[in-house]
Amino acid sequence: MTILRLPLPGGQTTIINQRPESTTIMLDAQTMFTFDAAGRLHGAFVQGSTFRRSLANAILEKRPGPPAGLSSRQRRFLTPAEVQALEQRAYDTAAEVLAHIQDQGDASAGQAPAAILAALARVASYNYDKLEDEREVYERLYKPVTILPPDQYLALYLQATEGCAYDACSFCGFYRDRRFHVKTLAEFRAHMDAVRAFFGEALTLRRSIFLGDANALMIPQAALLPLLDAVNTEFVIAPPGLTGSALRAWKEAHPQHLQGIYSFVDAFSTRRKTVEDWRALAAAACGAPISGWRQAILRCCASWASPTRLPKRKP
């Protein structure tokens, strides 16, 4: 982490916090913008409101309600015009900070570490129009990502399947807009290549891998294990069991890595696989090398809500 306190005209001091995964510019206690490592706006805090931007270039505003407390927090999506205005303000702010450093010559530039200058240059390469262009790329890359567990909001989402194999629950309409499809190994590898190219340096902001869509673990065992193998070949997954100095040394040697593979699993899929299937899957994904390559941790985030009807178990 690198922090720079930069005096600006008028006596204001801007604080720039640069990390491997993000760069934050704080103008004052009420104005702050955060960008990912590629330069995309990730979030903002302005006049008491928190803003979170999605890769589809939608921005959610969260602000305190009349009574204090999280339960009264108000949420809304910004209009397209508001999205453009906030993004323009964020990038204008970053451009002004970078220009101030450059205009001051050696006296100011000497105070700015190279990592901060490089990060601000990447931010300066972006604007609202570029984010809109990337939205179109994102929408070609993914079917809509309708839901994730709260602890997986910063996961790298890989669509091994599209839609839901069951898709008949009365309480869920998340996947009614698509036919269920299991990607072939070739399709999945092409998808991962495109995902990596899209994220670029911003992969450092992703904490784990989430295997989507609704119930990817229902994929037959013979097809699922090669998909996990492909994930471990494409991405660096932190091995389980490391602690203390060993874990720190591993992270230093692998600065860009992900903490495990996660997925939903439904009550039906658990019955379609045998105990031996689950044991084999656990052995392949929980610490055992996959095809002699890297290791993975598979977390099964179970969804136990009651469907409208239970399928008959096949004998």
C-alpha atoms as a PDB file:
ATOM      1  CA  MET A   1       0.000   0.000   0.000  1.00  0.00           C
ATOM      2  CA  THR A   2       1.282   3.461  -0.970  1.00  0.00           C
ATOM      3  CA  ILE A   3      -0.221   6.682   0.422  1.00  0.00           C
ATOM      4  CA  LEU A   4       0.425  10.176  -0.924  1.00  0.00           C
ATOM      5  CA  ARG A   5      -0.799  13.393   0.683  1.00  0.00           C
ATOM      6  CA  LEU A   6      -0.883  15.971  -2.070  1.00  0.00           C
ATOM      7  CA  PRO A   7      -1.417  19.692  -1.272  1.00  0.00           C
ATOM      8  CA  LEU A   8      -3.678  21.371  -3.828  1.00  0.00           C
ATOM      9  CA  PRO A   9      -4.296  25.051  -4.552  1.00  0.00           C
ATOM     10  CA  GLY A  10      -6.555  26.647  -1.937  1.00  0.00           C
ATOM     11  CA  GLY A  11      -5.000  24.746   0.968  1.00  0.00           C
ATOM     12  CA  GLN A  12      -6.855  21.477   0.317  1.00  0.00           C
ATOM     13  CA  THR A  13      -4.954  18.211   0.740  1.00  0.00           C
ATOM     14  CA  THR A  14      -5.905  15.227  -1.401  1.00  0.00           C
ATOM     15  CA  ILE A  15      -5.036  11.744  -0.138  1.00  0.00           C
ATOM     16  CA  ILE A  16      -4.244   9.048  -2.704  1.00  0.00           C
ATOM     17  CA  ASN A  17      -4.204   5.448  -1.507  1.00  0.00           C
ATOM     18  CA  GLN A  18      -2.759   3.029  -4.052  1.00  0.00           C
ATOM     19  CA  ARG A  19      -2.975  -0.739  -3.551  1.00  0.00           C
ATOM     20  CA  PRO A  20      -2.298  -3.582  -5.975  1.00  0.00           C
ATOM     21  CA  GLU A  21      -6.049  -4.014  -6.461  1.00  0.00           C
ATOM     22  CA  SER A  22      -7.314  -0.413  -6.378  1.00  0.00           C
ATOM     23  CA  THR A  23      -6.596   3.316  -6.216  1.00  0.00           C
ATOM     24  CA  THR A  24      -8.613   5.661  -3.997  1.00  0.00           C
ATOM     25  CA  ILE A  25      -8.659   9.450  -4.257  1.00  0.00           C
ATOM     26  CA  MET A  26     -10.041  11.209  -1.169  1.00  0.00           C
ATOM     27  CA  LEU A  27     -10.667  14.923  -1.593  1.00  0.00           C
ATOM     28  CA  ASP A  28     -12.175  15.397   1.856  1.00  0.00           C
ATOM     29  CA  ALA A  29     -14.267  13.544   4.423  1.00  0.00           C
ATOM     30  CA  GLN A  30     -17.293  13.713   2.107  1.00  0.00           C
ATOM     31  CA  THR A  31     -15.811  12.938  -1.315  1.00  0.00           C
ATOM     32  CA  MET A  32     -13.937   9.788  -2.293  1.00  0.00           C
ATOM     33  CA  PHE A  33     -13.548   7.793  -5.526  1.00  0.00           C
ATOM     34  CA  THR A  34     -12.144   4.264  -5.896  1.00  0.00           C
ATOM     35  CA  PHE A  35     -10.896   2.738  -9.170  1.00  0.00           C
ATOM     36  CA  ASP A  36      -9.817  -0.819  -9.904  1.00  0.00           C
ATOM     37  CA  ALA A  37      -6.300  -1.631 -11.093  1.00  0.00           C
ATOM     38  CA  ALA A  38      -7.282  -1.225 -14.749  1.00  0.00           C
ATOM     39  CA  GLY A  39      -8.738   2.228 -14.118  1.00  0.00           C
ATOM     40  CA  ARG A  40     -12.471   1.493 -14.025  1.00  0.00           C
ATOM     41  CA  LEU A  41     -14.541   3.359 -11.456  1.00  0.00           C
ATOM     42  CA  HIS A  42     -15.463   0.849  -8.759  1.00  0.00           C
ATOM     43  CA  GLY A  43     -17.165   2.932  -6.080  1.00  0.00           C
ATOM     44  CA  ALA A  44     -17.574   6.368  -4.578  1.00  0.00           C
ATOM     45  CA  PHE A  45     -18.636   8.168  -1.424  1.00  0.00           C
ATOM     46  CA  VAL A  46     -20.179  11.597  -1.936  1.00  0.00           C
ATOM     47  CA  GLN A  47     -22.058  13.677   0.632  1.00  0.00           C
ATOM     48  CA  GLY A  48     -23.105  10.721   2.786  1.00  0.00           C
ATOM     49  CA  SER A  49     -24.105   8.428  -0.089  1.00  0.00           C
ATOM     50  CA  THR A  50     -22.175   5.287  -1.042  1.00  0.00           C
ATOM     51  CA  PHE A  51     -22.094   4.331  -4.724  1.00  0.00           C
ATOM     52  CA  ARG A  52     -21.205   0.943  -6.191  1.00  0.00           C
ATOM     53  CA  ARG A  53     -20.697   0.502  -9.923  1.00  0.00           C
ATOM     54  CA  SER A  54     -21.329  -2.808 -11.702  1.00  0.00           C
ATOM     55  CA  LEU A  55     -19.458  -4.063 -14.766  1.00  0.00           C
ATOM     56  CA  ALA A  56     -22.675  -3.454 -16.695  1.00  0.00           C
ATOM     57  CA  ASN A  57     -22.100   0.249 -15.885  1.00  0.00           C
ATOM     58  CA  ALA A  58     -25.067   0.513 -13.536  1.00  0.00           C
ATOM     59  CA  ILE A  59     -24.550   2.395 -10.271  1.00  0.00           C
ATOM     60  CA  LEU A  60     -26.352   1.629  -7.022  1.00  0.00           C
ATOM     61  CA  GLU A  61     -26.671   4.430  -4.476  1.00  0.00           C
ATOM     62  CA  LYS A  62     -27.018   3.608  -0.770  1.00  0.00           C
ATOM     63  CA  ARG A  63     -27.761   6.435   1.633  1.00  0.00           C
ATOM     64  CA  PRO A  64     -28.935   6.689   5.241  1.00  0.00           C
ATOM     65  CA  GLY A  65     -32.660   6.910   5.836  1.00  0.00           C
ATOM     66  CA  PRO A  66     -34.370   9.269   8.302  1.00  0.00           C
ATOM     67  CA  PRO A  67     -33.781   6.952  11.311  1.00  0.00           C
ATOM     68  CA  ALA A  68     -30.199   5.844  11.856  1.00  0.00           C
ATOM     69  CA  GLY A  69     -29.185   2.244  11.198  1.00  0.00           C
ATOM     70  CA  LEU A  70     -28.691  -0.190   8.341  1.00  0.00           C
ATOM     71  CA  SER A  71     -32.335  -1.281   8.382  1.00  0.00           C
ATOM     72  CA  SER A  72     -33.431   2.171   7.202  1.00  0.00           C
ATOM     73  CA  ARG A  73     -30.787   2.583   4.515  1.00  0.00           C
ATOM     74  CA  GLN A  74     -32.288   3.641   1.195  1.00  0.00           C
ATOM     75  CA  ARG A  75     -31.175   2.121  -2.092  1.00  0.00           C
ATOM     76  CA  ARG A  76     -31.778   3.090  -5.689  1.00  0.00           C
ATOM     77  CA  PHE A  77     -30.143   2.763  -9.105  1.00  0.00           C
ATOM     78  CA  LEU A  78     -28.989   5.990 -10.697  1.00  0.00           C
ATOM     79  CA  THR A  79     -30.551   7.105 -13.944  1.00  0.00           C
ATOM     80  CA  PRO A  80     -28.306   6.948 -17.041  1.00  0.00           C
ATOM     81  CA  ALA A  81     -27.810  10.707 -16.851  1.00  0.00           C
ATOM     82  CA  GLU A  82     -26.808  10.462 -13.178  1.00  0.00           C
ATOM     83  CA  VAL A  83     -24.404   7.608 -13.964  1.00  0.00           C
ATOM     84  CA  GLN A  84     -22.712   9.727 -16.618  1.00  0.00           C
ATOM     85  CA  ALA A  85     -22.497  12.739 -14.306  1.00  0.00           C
ATOM     86  CA  LEU A  86     -20.952  10.784 -11.410  1.00  0.00           C
ATOM     87  CA  GLU A  87     -18.461   8.999 -13.642  1.00  0.00           C
ATOM     88  CA  GLN A  88     -17.502  12.257 -15.312  1.00  0.00           C
ATOM     89  CA  ARG A  89     -16.924  13.841 -11.923  1.00  0.00           C
ATOM     90  CA  ALA A  90     -14.765  10.913 -10.792  1.00  0.00           C
ATOM     91  CA  TYR A  91     -12.571  10.984 -13.887  1.00  0.00           C
ATOM     92  CA  ASP A  92     -12.348  14.780 -13.933  1.00  0.00           C
ATOM     93  CA  THR A  93     -11.120  14.599 -10.325  1.00  0.00           C
ATOM     94  CA  ALA A  94      -8.462  12.009 -11.191  1.00  0.00           C
ATOM     95  CA  ALA A  95      -7.359  14.036 -14.233  1.00  0.00           C
ATOM     96  CA  GLU A  96      -7.034  17.194 -12.141  1.00  0.00           C
ATOM     97  CA  VAL A  97      -4.922  15.409  -9.535  1.00  0.00           C
ATOM     98  CA  LEU A  98      -2.642  13.895 -12.176  1.00  0.00           C
ATOM     99  CA  ALA A  99      -2.339  17.232 -14.009  1.00  0.00           C
ATOM    100  CA  HIS A 100      -1.440  18.997 -10.777  1.00  0.00           C
ATOM    101  CA  ILE A 101       1.388  16.541 -10.140  1.00  0.00           C
ATOM    102  CA  GLN A 102       2.665  16.902 -13.703  1.00  0.00           C
ATOM    103  CA  ASP A 103       2.311  20.714 -13.790  1.00  0.00           C
ATOM    104  CA  GLN A 104       4.346  21.101 -10.633  1.00  0.00           C
ATOM    105  CA  GLY A 105       7.321  19.486 -12.310  1.00  0.00           C
ATOM    106  CA  ASP A 106      10.038  17.739 -10.376  1.00  0.00           C
ATOM    107  CA  ALA A 107       9.082  19.312  -7.044  1.00  0.00           C
ATOM    108  CA  SER A 108       5.666  17.623  -6.946  1.00  0.00           C
ATOM    109  CA  ALA A 109       6.415  14.614  -9.113  1.00  0.00           C
ATOM    110  CA  GLY A 110       9.266  13.710  -6.831  1.00  0.00           C
ATOM    111  CA  GLN A 111       6.769  13.327  -4.002  1.00  0.00           C
ATOM    112  CA  ALA A 112       4.592  10.938  -5.991  1.00  0.00           C
ATOM    113  CA  PRO A 113       5.760   7.316  -5.986  1.00  0.00           C
ATOM    114  CA  ALA A 114       5.955   5.658  -9.379  1.00  0.00           C
ATOM    115  CA  ALA A 115       3.143   3.246  -8.447  1.00  0.00           C
ATOM    116  CA  ILE A 116       0.743   6.151  -7.869  1.00  0.00           C
ATOM    117  CA  LEU A 117       1.712   7.902 -11.099  1.00  0.00           C
ATOM    118  CA  ALA A 118       1.202   4.667 -13.055  1.00  0.00           C
ATOM    119  CA  ALA A 119      -2.161   4.038 -11.374  1.00  0.00           C
ATOM    120  CA  LEU A 120      -3.387   7.564 -12.105  1.00  0.00           C
ATOM    121  CA  ALA A 121      -2.289   7.201 -15.731  1.00  0.00           C
ATOM    122  CA  ARG A 122      -4.408   4.038 -16.036  1.00  0.00           C
ATOM    123  CA  VAL A 123      -7.373   5.850 -14.500  1.00  0.00           C
ATOM    124  CA  ALA A 124      -6.846   8.722 -16.940  1.00  0.00           C
ATOM    125  CA  SER A 125      -7.236   6.284 -19.852  1.00  0.00           C
ATOM    126  CA  TYR A 126     -10.900   5.799 -18.904  1.00  0.00           C
ATOM    127  CA  ASN A 127     -14.033   7.907 -19.245  1.00  0.00           C
ATOM    128  CA  TYR A 128     -17.794   7.393 -19.416  1.00  0.00           C
ATOM    129  CA  ASP A 129     -17.754   6.440 -23.113  1.00  0.00           C
ATOM    130  CA  LYS A 130     -15.123   3.744 -22.561  1.00  0.00           C
ATOM    131  CA  LEU A 131     -17.112   2.301 -19.656  1.00  0.00           C
ATOM    132  CA  GLU A 132     -20.183   2.187 -21.897  1.00  0.00           C
ATOM    133  CA  ASP A 133     -18.204   0.387 -24.594  1.00  0.00           C
ATOM    134  CA  GLU A 134     -17.058  -2.142 -21.990  1.00  0.00           C
ATOM    135  CA  ARG A 135     -20.642  -2.626 -20.845  1.00  0.00           C
ATOM    136  CA  GLU A 136     -21.446  -3.945 -24.309  1.00  0.00           C
ATOM    137  CA  VAL A 137     -18.471  -6.319 -24.127  1.00  0.00           C
ATOM    138  CA  TYR A 138     -19.572  -7.498 -20.680  1.00  0.00           C
ATOM    139  CA  GLU A 139     -23.118  -8.187 -21.889  1.00  0.00           C
ATOM    140  CA  ARG A 140     -21.759 -10.330 -24.728  1.00  0.00           C
ATOM    141  CA  LEU A 141     -19.439 -12.148 -22.343  1.00  0.00           C
ATOM    142  CA  TYR A 142     -22.048 -13.063 -19.706  1.00  0.00           C
ATOM    143  CA  LYS A 143     -25.656 -13.995 -19.476  1.00  0.00           C
ATOM    144  CA  PRO A 144     -27.080 -11.710 -16.749  1.00  0.00           C
ATOM    145  CA  VAL A 145     -25.533 -12.522 -13.368  1.00  0.00           C
ATOM    146  CA  THR A 146     -28.701 -12.383 -11.317  1.00  0.00           C
ATOM    147  CA  ILE A 147     -27.596 -13.370  -7.807  1.00  0.00           C
ATOM    148  CA  LEU A 148     -24.495 -14.132  -5.756  1.00  0.00           C
ATOM    149  CA  PRO A 149     -24.027 -14.906  -2.076  1.00  0.00           C
ATOM    150  CA  PRO A 150     -23.116 -11.685  -0.220  1.00  0.00           C
ATOM    151  CA  ASP A 151     -19.613 -12.941   0.549  1.00  0.00           C
ATOM    152  CA  GLN A 152     -19.006 -13.540  -3.178  1.00  0.00           C
ATOM    153  CA  TYR A 153     -19.745 -10.047  -4.518  1.00  0.00           C
ATOM    154  CA  LEU A 154     -16.069  -9.673  -5.492  1.00  0.00           C
ATOM    155  CA  ALA A 155     -15.742 -13.159  -6.973  1.00  0.00           C
ATOM    156  CA  LEU A 156     -14.575 -13.756 -10.515  1.00  0.00           C
ATOM    157  CA  TYR A 157     -17.750 -15.188 -12.026  1.00  0.00           C
ATOM    158  CA  LEU A 158     -17.321 -18.050 -14.502  1.00  0.00           C
ATOM    159  CA  GLN A 159     -20.431 -19.386 -16.210  1.00  0.00           C
ATOM    160  CA  ALA A 160     -19.885 -23.118 -16.496  1.00  0.00           C
ATOM    161  CA  THR A 161     -23.645 -23.391 -16.966  1.00  0.00           C
ATOM    162  CA  GLU A 162     -26.267 -20.935 -18.137  1.00  0.00           C
ATOM    163  CA  GLY A 163     -29.595 -20.865 -16.346  1.00  0.00           C
ATOM    164  CA  CYS A 164     -31.026 -23.366 -13.895  1.00  0.00           C
ATOM    165  CA  ALA A 165     -31.475 -27.081 -14.469  1.00  0.00           C
ATOM    166  CA  TYR A 166     -34.733 -27.084 -12.467  1.00  0.00           C
ATOM    167  CA  ASP A 167     -36.109 -23.546 -12.934  1.00  0.00           C
ATOM    168  CA  ALA A 168     -39.571 -24.332 -11.546  1.00  0.00           C
ATOM    169  CA  CYS A 169     -39.443 -22.790  -8.063  1.00  0.00           C
ATOM    170  CA  SER A 170     -42.382 -20.468  -7.437  1.00  0.00           C
ATOM    171  CA  PHE A 171     -40.248 -17.998  -5.464  1.00  0.00           C
ATOM    172  CA  CYS A 172     -37.449 -17.638  -8.041  1.00  0.00           C
ATOM    173  CA  GLY A 173     -37.570 -16.046 -11.472  1.00  0.00           C
ATOM    174  CA  PHE A 174     -33.868 -15.335 -11.819  1.00  0.00           C
ATOM    175  CA  TYR A 175     -33.220 -17.618 -14.780  1.00  0.00           C
ATOM    176  CA  ARG A 176     -36.483 -17.575 -16.753  1.00  0.00           C
ATOM    177  CA  ASP A 177     -34.830 -15.501 -19.480  1.00  0.00           C
ATOM    178  CA  ARG A 178     -32.517 -18.302 -20.690  1.00  0.00           C
ATOM    179  CA  ARG A 179     -32.477 -21.963 -21.594  1.00  0.00           C
ATOM    180  CA  PHE A 180     -30.378 -24.236 -19.425  1.00  0.00           C
ATOM    181  CA  HIS A 181     -27.045 -25.051 -21.026  1.00  0.00           C
ATOM    182  CA  VAL A 182     -23.877 -26.767 -19.811  1.00  0.00           C
ATOM    183  CA  LYS A 183     -20.792 -25.408 -21.543  1.00  0.00           C
ATOM    184  CA  THR A 184     -18.518 -27.912 -23.206  1.00  0.00           C
ATOM    185  CA  LEU A 185     -14.896 -27.892 -22.106  1.00  0.00           C
ATOM    186  CA  ALA A 186     -13.946 -26.000 -25.271  1.00  0.00           C
ATOM    187  CA  GLU A 187     -16.719 -23.428 -24.691  1.00  0.00           C
ATOM    188  CA  PHE A 188     -15.695 -22.998 -21.070  1.00  0.00           C
ATOM    189  CA  ARG A 189     -12.031 -22.491 -21.925  1.00  0.00           C
ATOM    190  CA  ALA A 190     -12.969 -19.870 -24.522  1.00  0.00           C
ATOM    191  CA  HIS A 191     -15.196 -18.202 -21.909  1.00  0.00           C
ATOM    192  CA  MET A 192     -12.338 -18.091 -19.383  1.00  0.00           C
ATOM    193  CA  ASP A 193      -9.968 -16.625 -21.964  1.00  0.00           C
ATOM    194  CA  ALA A 194     -12.481 -13.883 -22.753  1.00  0.00           C
ATOM    195  CA  VAL A 195     -13.103 -13.215 -19.049  1.00  0.00           C
ATOM    196  CA  ARG A 196      -9.377 -12.866 -18.355  1.00  0.00           C
ATOM    197  CA  ALA A 197      -8.948 -10.500 -21.313  1.00  0.00           C
ATOM    198  CA  PHE A 198     -11.918  -8.396 -20.187  1.00  0.00           C
ATOM    199  CA  PHE A 199     -10.756  -7.969 -16.600  1.00  0.00           C
ATOM    200  CA  GLY A 200      -7.083  -7.462 -17.368  1.00  0.00           C
ATOM    201  CA  GLU A 201      -5.247  -5.918 -14.420  1.00  0.00           C
ATOM    202  CA  ALA A 202      -8.547  -5.626 -12.530  1.00  0.00           C
ATOM    203  CA  LEU A 203      -8.342  -9.346 -11.735  1.00  0.00           C
ATOM    204  CA  THR A 204      -6.420  -8.271  -8.631  1.00  0.00           C
ATOM    205  CA  LEU A 205      -9.692  -6.959  -7.166  1.00  0.00           C
ATOM    206  CA  ARG A 206     -11.367 -10.379  -7.419  1.00  0.00           C
ATOM    207  CA  ARG A 207     -11.088 -12.512  -4.287  1.00  0.00           C
ATOM    208  CA  SER A 208     -12.301 -15.933  -5.386  1.00  0.00           C
ATOM    209  CA  ILE A 209     -13.936 -17.816  -8.255  1.00  0.00           C
ATOM    210  CA  PHE A 210     -17.663 -18.450  -8.344  1.00  0.00           C
ATOM    211  CA  LEU A 211     -18.825 -21.196 -10.677  1.00  0.00           C
ATOM    212  CA  GLY A 212     -22.241 -20.237 -12.051  1.00  0.00           C
ATOM    213  CA  ASP A 213     -25.050 -20.148 -12.847  1.00  0.00           C
ATOM    214  CA  ALA A 214     -27.701 -21.524 -10.496  1.00  0.00           C
ATOM    215  CA  ASN A 215     -26.482 -25.040  -9.775  1.00  0.00           C
ATOM    216  CA  ALA A 216     -23.267 -25.748 -11.653  1.00  0.00           C
ATOM    217  CA  LEU A 217     -22.469 -28.705  -9.404  1.00  0.00           C
ATOM    218  CA  MET A 218     -25.230 -30.693 -11.064  1.00  0.00           C
ATOM    219  CA  ILE A 219     -22.906 -31.132 -14.064  1.00  0.00           C
ATOM    220  CA  PRO A 220     -22.145 -34.849 -14.474  1.00  0.00           C
ATOM    221  CA  GLN A 221     -18.957 -35.841 -12.705  1.00  0.00           C
ATOM    222  CA  ALA A 222     -17.110 -36.808 -15.883  1.00  0.00           C
ATOM    223  CA  ALA A 223     -17.627 -33.284 -17.263  1.00  0.00           C
ATOM    224  CA  LEU A 224     -17.309 -31.344 -13.996  1.00  0.00           C
ATOM    225  CA  LEU A 225     -13.825 -32.503 -13.018  1.00  0.00           C
ATOM    226  CA  PRO A 226     -12.246 -31.388 -16.336  1.00  0.00           C
ATOM    227  CA  LEU A 227     -13.900 -27.974 -15.891  1.00  0.00           C
ATOM    228  CA  LEU A 228     -12.294 -27.625 -12.445  1.00  0.00           C
ATOM    229  CA  ASP A 229      -9.014 -28.748 -13.932  1.00  0.00           C
ATOM    230  CA  ALA A 230      -9.320 -25.994 -16.561  1.00  0.00           C
ATOM    231  CA  VAL A 231     -10.004 -23.377 -13.872  1.00  0.00           C
ATOM    232  CA  ASN A 232      -6.900 -24.392 -11.966  1.00  0.00           C
ATOM    233  CA  THR A 233      -4.807 -24.317 -15.124  1.00  0.00           C
ATOM    234  CA  GLU A 234      -6.023 -20.818 -16.045  1.00  0.00           C
ATOM    235  CA  PHE A 235      -5.947 -19.156 -12.611  1.00  0.00           C
ATOM    236  CA  VAL A 236      -3.735 -19.305  -9.537  1.00  0.00           C
ATOM    237  CA  ILE A 237      -5.751 -20.676  -6.615  1.00  0.00           C
ATOM    238  CA  ALA A 238      -4.387 -20.379  -3.085  1.00  0.00           C
ATOM    239  CA  PRO A 239      -3.613 -23.869  -1.710  1.00  0.00           C
ATOM    240  CA  PRO A 240      -5.455 -24.835   1.472  1.00  0.00           C
ATOM    241  CA  GLY A 241      -3.737 -25.466   4.754  1.00  0.00           C
ATOM    242  CA  LEU A 242      -1.072 -22.752   4.570  1.00  0.00           C
ATOM    243  CA  THR A 243      -0.794 -20.488   7.616  1.00  0.00           C
ATOM    244  CA  GLY A 244       1.593 -17.984   9.133  1.00  0.00           C
ATOM    245  CA  SER A 245       4.926 -17.438   7.411  1.00  0.00           C
ATOM    246  CA  ALA A 246       4.255 -20.148   4.815  1.00  0.00           C
ATOM    247  CA  LEU A 247       1.070 -18.383   3.697  1.00  0.00           C
ATOM    248  CA  ARG A 248       2.797 -14.990   3.595  1.00  0.00           C
ATOM    249  CA  ALA A 249       5.640 -16.407   1.526  1.00  0.00           C
ATOM    250  CA  TRP A 250       3.200 -18.039  -0.895  1.00  0.00           C
ATOM    251  CA  LYS A 251       1.260 -14.783  -1.337  1.00  0.00           C
ATOM    252  CA  GLU A 252       4.456 -12.837  -1.956  1.00  0.00           C
ATOM    253  CA  ALA A 253       5.398 -15.337  -4.655  1.00  0.00           C
ATOM    254  CA  HIS A 254       1.867 -15.222  -6.151  1.00  0.00           C
ATOM    255  CA  PRO A 255       0.681 -11.592  -5.880  1.00  0.00           C
ATOM    256  CA  GLN A 256      -2.255 -12.252  -8.219  1.00  0.00           C
ATOM    257  CA  HIS A 257      -4.199 -15.209  -6.855  1.00  0.00           C
ATOM    258  CA  LEU A 258      -7.715 -16.226  -5.884  1.00  0.00           C
ATOM    259  CA  GLN A 259      -8.981 -17.706  -2.625  1.00  0.00           C
ATOM    260  CA  GLY A 260     -10.866 -20.814  -3.660  1.00  0.00           C
ATOM    261  CA  ILE A 261     -13.677 -21.919  -5.974  1.00  0.00           C
ATOM    262  CA  TYR A 262     -17.274 -21.529  -4.832  1.00  0.00           C
ATOM    263  CA  SER A 263     -20.637 -22.563  -6.257  1.00  0.00           C
ATOM    264  CA  PHE A 264     -24.298 -22.962  -5.446  1.00  0.00           C
ATOM    265  CA  VAL A 265     -25.632 -26.459  -4.951  1.00  0.00           C
ATOM    266  CA  ASP A 266     -29.310 -27.377  -4.743  1.00  0.00           C
ATOM    267  CA  ALA A 267     -31.015 -30.158  -2.828  1.00  0.00           C
ATOM    268  CA  PHE A 268     -31.707 -32.110  -6.008  1.00  0.00           C
ATOM    269  CA  SER A 269     -28.128 -32.301  -7.224  1.00  0.00           C
ATOM    270  CA  THR A 270     -26.931 -33.689  -3.921  1.00  0.00           C
ATOM    271  CA  ARG A 271     -29.186 -36.707  -4.478  1.00  0.00           C
ATOM    272  CA  ARG A 272     -28.082 -37.263  -8.072  1.00  0.00           C
ATOM    273  CA  LYS A 273     -24.470 -37.710  -7.047  1.00  0.00           C
ATOM    274  CA  THR A 274     -23.351 -40.650  -4.978  1.00  0.00           C
ATOM    275  CA  VAL A 275     -21.308 -40.345  -1.811  1.00  0.00           C
ATOM    276  CA  GLU A 276     -18.356 -41.569  -3.839  1.00  0.00           C
ATOM    277  CA  ASP A 277     -18.941 -38.789  -6.375  1.00  0.00           C
ATOM    278  CA  TRP A 278     -18.826 -36.127  -3.660  1.00  0.00           C
ATOM    279  CA  ARG A 279     -15.742 -37.679  -2.127  1.00  0.00           C
ATOM    280  CA  ALA A 280     -14.008 -37.734  -5.495  1.00  0.00           C
ATOM    281  CA  LEU A 281     -15.018 -34.125  -6.094  1.00  0.00           C
ATOM    282  CA  ALA A 282     -13.757 -33.116  -2.662  1.00  0.00           C
ATOM    283  CA  ALA A 283     -10.491 -34.962  -3.251  1.00  0.00           C
ATOM    284  CA  ALA A 284     -10.036 -33.218  -6.596  1.00  0.00           C
ATOM    285  CA  ALA A 285     -10.967 -29.758  -5.357  1.00  0.00           C
ATOM    286  CA  CYS A 286      -9.903 -29.669  -1.705  1.00  0.00           C
ATOM    287  CA  GLY A 287      -6.154 -29.761  -1.626  1.00  0.00           C
ATOM    288  CA  ALA A 288      -5.402 -32.591  -4.031  1.00  0.00           C
ATOM    289  CA  PRO A 289      -3.517 -31.625  -7.218  1.00  0.00           C
ATOM    290  CA  ILE A 290      -5.736 -31.521 -10.302  1.00  0.00           C
ATOM    291  CA  SER A 291      -3.971 -33.034 -13.328  1.00  0.00           C
ATOM    292  CA  GLY A 292      -0.678 -32.402 -11.581  1.00  0.00           C
ATOM    293  CA  TRP A 293      -1.284 -28.630 -11.566  1.00  0.00           C
ATOM    294  CA  ARG A 294      -2.500 -26.241  -8.951  1.00  0.00           C
ATOM    295  CA  GLN A 295      -4.859 -26.877  -6.082  1.00  0.00           C
ATOM    296  CA  ALA A 296      -8.361 -25.588  -5.409  1.00  0.00           C
ATOM    297  CA  ILE A 297     -10.881 -25.253  -2.627  1.00  0.00           C
ATOM    298  CA  LEU A 298     -14.489 -25.855  -3.593  1.00  0.00           C
ATOM    299  CA  ARG A 299     -17.067 -24.235  -1.348  1.00  0.00           C
ATOM    300  CA  CYS A 300     -20.634 -25.434  -1.803  1.00  0.00           C
ATOM    301  CA  CYS A 301     -22.978 -22.565  -0.919  1.00  0.00           C
ATOM    302  CA  ALA A 302     -26.135 -24.585  -0.387  1.00  0.00           C
ATOM    303  CA  SER A 303     -29.571 -23.304  -1.344  1.00  0.00           C
ATOM    304  CA  TRP A 304     -32.164 -25.111   0.755  1.00  0.00           C
ATOM    305  CA  ALA A 305     -35.354 -23.189  -0.067  1.00  0.00           C
ATOM    306  CA  SER A 306     -38.394 -25.405  -0.656  1.00  0.00           C
ATOM    307  CA  PRO A 307     -39.457 -25.730  -4.305  1.00  0.00           C
ATOM    308  CA  THR A 308     -43.042 -26.034  -5.466  1.00  0.00           C
ATOM    309  CA  ARG A 309     -42.581 -29.738  -6.025  1.00  0.00           C
ATOM    310  CA  LEU A 310     -39.840 -32.267  -5.437  1.00  0.00           C
ATOM    311  CA  PRO A 311     -38.739 -34.413  -8.375  1.00  0.00           C
ATOM    312  CA  LYS A 312     -39.128 -38.104  -7.933  1.00  0.00           C
ATOM    313  CA  ARG A 313     -35.901 -39.772  -7.076  1.00  0.00           C
ATOM    314  CA  LYS A 314     -34.769 -42.144  -9.773  1.00  0.00           C
ATOM    315  CA  PRO A 315     -34.177 -45.691  -8.573  1.00  0.00           C
END
